[in-house]
Each structure stands twice: as C-alpha cells, then as structure tokens.
C-alpha cells in the first residue's frame, strides 16, 4: 500500500459550545438540523489549514444546541492540479474532520438527559459543486 500525496497533521478542537434547550417539546420535534461551514486558508508552500464548523440544533425546537469547530493543516506534493487540490481541501478534508468531531459530539450528548446524538456521514460534494459553479459563472456585461 502506498501513502497518499495528500496528508494532514493532528486535527485540533478550536471551539465547542453546548446548551440544552429548557423549552424542548418532544411532541413538536421533527429532526435535528445540521449546518456546516468550511474554511480553507492556503499558503504558498503546498499547505492549507482547513476548518470545519458544525452547528447542530439551531432551530427553536431541538433538544440541544451544539457548535463545534475543528481544524487541521493539510499538505500535498508539488505538481498537482489546482482542481484536484481544491476538491481534496473542500470535500475530503472536511469529511476527515467529521471523523474527529463524531466521538466528541457523542460524548457530550451522552452526558445530557437526551439520547446520544451520533453525527451521520456528511456529503460535502454538493456544496462544493455549487460553490465551483458560482465561481465559474460569467457575469453579464452591460451592452
């Protein structure tokens, strides 16, 4: 087996905020809402720091609110296509970071009066495609 040209350093927990909803109503509960944000800060030496911020339960009738951010430095070998690197940083890197968030979220929520929340697998490809298509759209000219 060969090591990948795309590597990362130990992810770090940057933020963690948990608050129980004292007004939670089981009768009105539908599903947990998940929102995420990806931040990629590239440097010139084939490195980037990727941060994944995840908010769970921001709606009024969720059992809890949890906000977590994790980040890691990613690096790659020279001579790789920009599109490939961009895809790895915006899809693969956040997918890897969710794996590090998952046990933290489970541990925190298992200590609450609500059932343990297990973070599902998240697919970051659609958001990346939307961002990429917006960046390649042509701006109409005034003629």
Protein backbone atom coordinates (compact mmCIF):
# COMPACT_ATOMS: atom_id res chain seq x y z
CA UNK A 1 0.00 0.00 0.00
CA UNK A 2 1.28 3.45 -0.90
CA UNK A 3 0.94 6.58 1.23
CA UNK A 4 -1.20 9.33 -0.30
CA UNK A 5 0.38 12.54 -1.62
CA UNK A 6 -2.28 14.40 0.42
CA UNK A 7 -1.50 14.40 4.16
CA UNK A 8 -2.69 16.08 7.38
CA UNK A 9 -1.42 16.87 10.85
CA UNK A 10 -3.29 16.12 14.07
CA UNK A 11 -6.69 17.88 13.99
CA UNK A 12 -7.35 20.34 16.80
CA UNK A 13 -10.56 21.32 18.55
CA UNK A 14 -11.00 25.06 18.03
CA UNK A 15 -14.46 25.63 19.53
CA UNK A 16 -17.09 23.69 21.45
CA UNK A 17 -20.35 25.12 22.75
CA UNK A 18 -23.24 23.06 24.13
CA UNK A 19 -26.52 24.27 25.55
CA UNK A 20 -29.60 22.28 26.48
CA UNK A 21 -32.96 23.63 25.34
CA UNK A 22 -35.04 24.05 28.50
CA UNK A 23 -38.19 24.57 26.40
CA UNK A 24 -37.79 21.48 24.24
CA UNK A 25 -41.12 19.83 23.36
CA UNK A 26 -40.93 16.16 22.27
CA UNK A 27 -44.36 16.47 20.64
CA UNK A 28 -43.19 19.18 18.23
CA UNK A 29 -39.78 17.68 17.45
CA UNK A 30 -39.17 16.74 13.82
CA UNK A 31 -35.44 16.31 13.20
CA UNK A 32 -32.06 17.70 14.18
CA UNK A 33 -30.91 20.45 11.86
CA UNK A 34 -27.23 20.43 10.82
CA UNK A 35 -25.41 23.38 9.27
CA UNK A 36 -21.76 23.46 8.38
CA UNK A 37 -19.16 25.89 7.10
CA UNK A 38 -15.79 25.07 5.57
CA UNK A 39 -12.88 27.48 5.63
CA UNK A 40 -9.73 26.83 3.57
CA UNK A 41 -6.69 29.04 4.14
CA UNK A 42 -3.98 28.12 1.64
CA UNK A 43 -0.37 29.10 1.99
CA UNK A 44 2.22 29.21 -0.79
CA UNK A 45 4.16 26.11 0.25
CA UNK A 46 1.58 23.42 -0.67
CA UNK A 47 -0.17 23.67 2.65
CA UNK A 48 -3.59 24.77 3.83
CA UNK A 49 -5.37 24.99 7.15
CA UNK A 50 -8.91 23.67 6.82
CA UNK A 51 -11.55 24.44 9.44
CA UNK A 52 -14.91 22.71 9.63
CA UNK A 53 -17.54 24.42 11.77
CA UNK A 54 -20.70 22.49 12.51
CA UNK A 55 -23.87 23.71 14.22
CA UNK A 56 -26.42 21.18 15.40
CA UNK A 57 -29.90 22.05 16.63
CA UNK A 58 -30.06 25.74 15.88
CA UNK A 59 -33.84 25.63 15.39
CA UNK A 60 -36.08 26.58 18.31
CA UNK A 61 -37.42 23.09 18.98
CA UNK A 62 -34.34 20.91 19.18
CA UNK A 63 -33.25 19.21 22.40
CA UNK A 64 -29.92 20.99 22.40
CA UNK A 65 -27.67 23.41 20.56
CA UNK A 66 -24.12 22.33 19.81
CA UNK A 67 -21.49 24.29 17.92
CA UNK A 68 -18.11 22.73 17.19
CA UNK A 69 -15.12 23.71 15.05
CA UNK A 70 -12.12 21.57 14.25
CA UNK A 71 -9.19 22.27 12.01
CA UNK A 72 -6.08 20.68 10.63
CA UNK A 73 -3.14 21.52 8.44
CA UNK A 74 -3.13 19.66 5.13
CA UNK A 75 -0.19 19.34 2.76
CA UNK A 76 0.42 17.89 -0.67
CA UNK A 77 3.22 17.23 -3.11
CA UNK A 78 4.26 19.66 -5.82
CA UNK A 79 2.94 19.47 -9.33
CA UNK A 80 -0.66 18.54 -8.60
CA UNK A 81 -3.56 20.11 -10.49
CA UNK A 82 -5.29 23.02 -8.74
CA UNK A 83 -8.74 21.47 -9.32
CA UNK A 84 -7.69 18.23 -7.63
CA UNK A 85 -6.22 20.06 -4.63
CA UNK A 86 -9.30 22.27 -4.33
CA UNK A 87 -11.55 19.20 -4.35
CA UNK A 88 -9.44 17.45 -1.71
CA UNK A 89 -9.44 20.54 0.53
CA UNK A 90 -13.19 21.19 0.19
CA UNK A 91 -14.54 17.62 0.19
CA UNK A 92 -12.03 15.12 1.60
CA UNK A 93 -10.58 17.36 4.33
CA UNK A 94 -13.95 18.20 5.93
CA UNK A 95 -15.01 14.55 5.65
CA UNK A 96 -11.88 13.60 7.59
CA UNK A 97 -12.55 16.28 10.21
CA UNK A 98 -16.09 14.95 10.83
CA UNK A 99 -14.48 11.67 11.88
CA UNK A 100 -12.67 13.55 14.64
CA UNK A 101 -15.80 15.50 15.65
CA UNK A 102 -18.03 12.43 15.85
CA UNK A 103 -16.71 10.97 19.16
CA UNK A 104 -16.65 14.42 20.81
CA UNK A 105 -20.29 15.06 19.86
CA UNK A 106 -21.30 11.59 21.04
CA UNK A 107 -19.52 12.01 24.37
CA UNK A 108 -21.02 15.44 25.06
CA UNK A 109 -24.57 14.42 24.14
CA UNK A 110 -24.34 11.11 26.02
CA UNK A 111 -23.92 13.17 29.20
CA UNK A 112 -27.18 15.00 28.59
CA UNK A 113 -30.71 13.96 29.51
CA UNK A 114 -31.38 13.28 25.80
CA UNK A 115 -30.35 10.27 23.74
CA UNK A 116 -26.80 10.29 22.40
CA UNK A 117 -26.53 12.09 19.07
CA UNK A 118 -24.42 10.22 16.54
CA UNK A 119 -23.25 12.52 13.77
CA UNK A 120 -24.25 10.95 10.44
CA UNK A 121 -21.94 10.77 7.44
CA UNK A 122 -21.99 14.09 5.61
CA UNK A 123 -21.57 14.53 1.86
CA UNK A 124 -19.68 17.73 1.04
CA UNK A 125 -19.70 17.24 -2.74
CA UNK A 126 -22.93 19.12 -3.48
CA UNK A 127 -21.87 22.27 -1.65
CA UNK A 128 -18.50 22.17 -3.43
CA UNK A 129 -20.20 21.81 -6.83
CA UNK A 130 -22.45 24.79 -6.06
CA UNK A 131 -19.52 26.96 -4.99
CA UNK A 132 -17.50 25.90 -8.01
CA UNK A 133 -20.34 26.60 -10.45
CA UNK A 134 -20.87 30.07 -8.94
CA UNK A 135 -17.19 30.89 -9.30
CA UNK A 136 -17.21 29.92 -12.99
CA UNK A 137 -20.45 31.71 -13.94
CA UNK A 138 -19.96 34.56 -16.37
CA UNK A 139 -21.00 37.99 -15.22
CA UNK A 140 -23.28 39.60 -17.82
CA UNK A 141 -21.87 42.75 -19.35
CA UNK A 142 -23.80 45.98 -19.80
CA UNK A 143 -24.02 46.38 -23.59
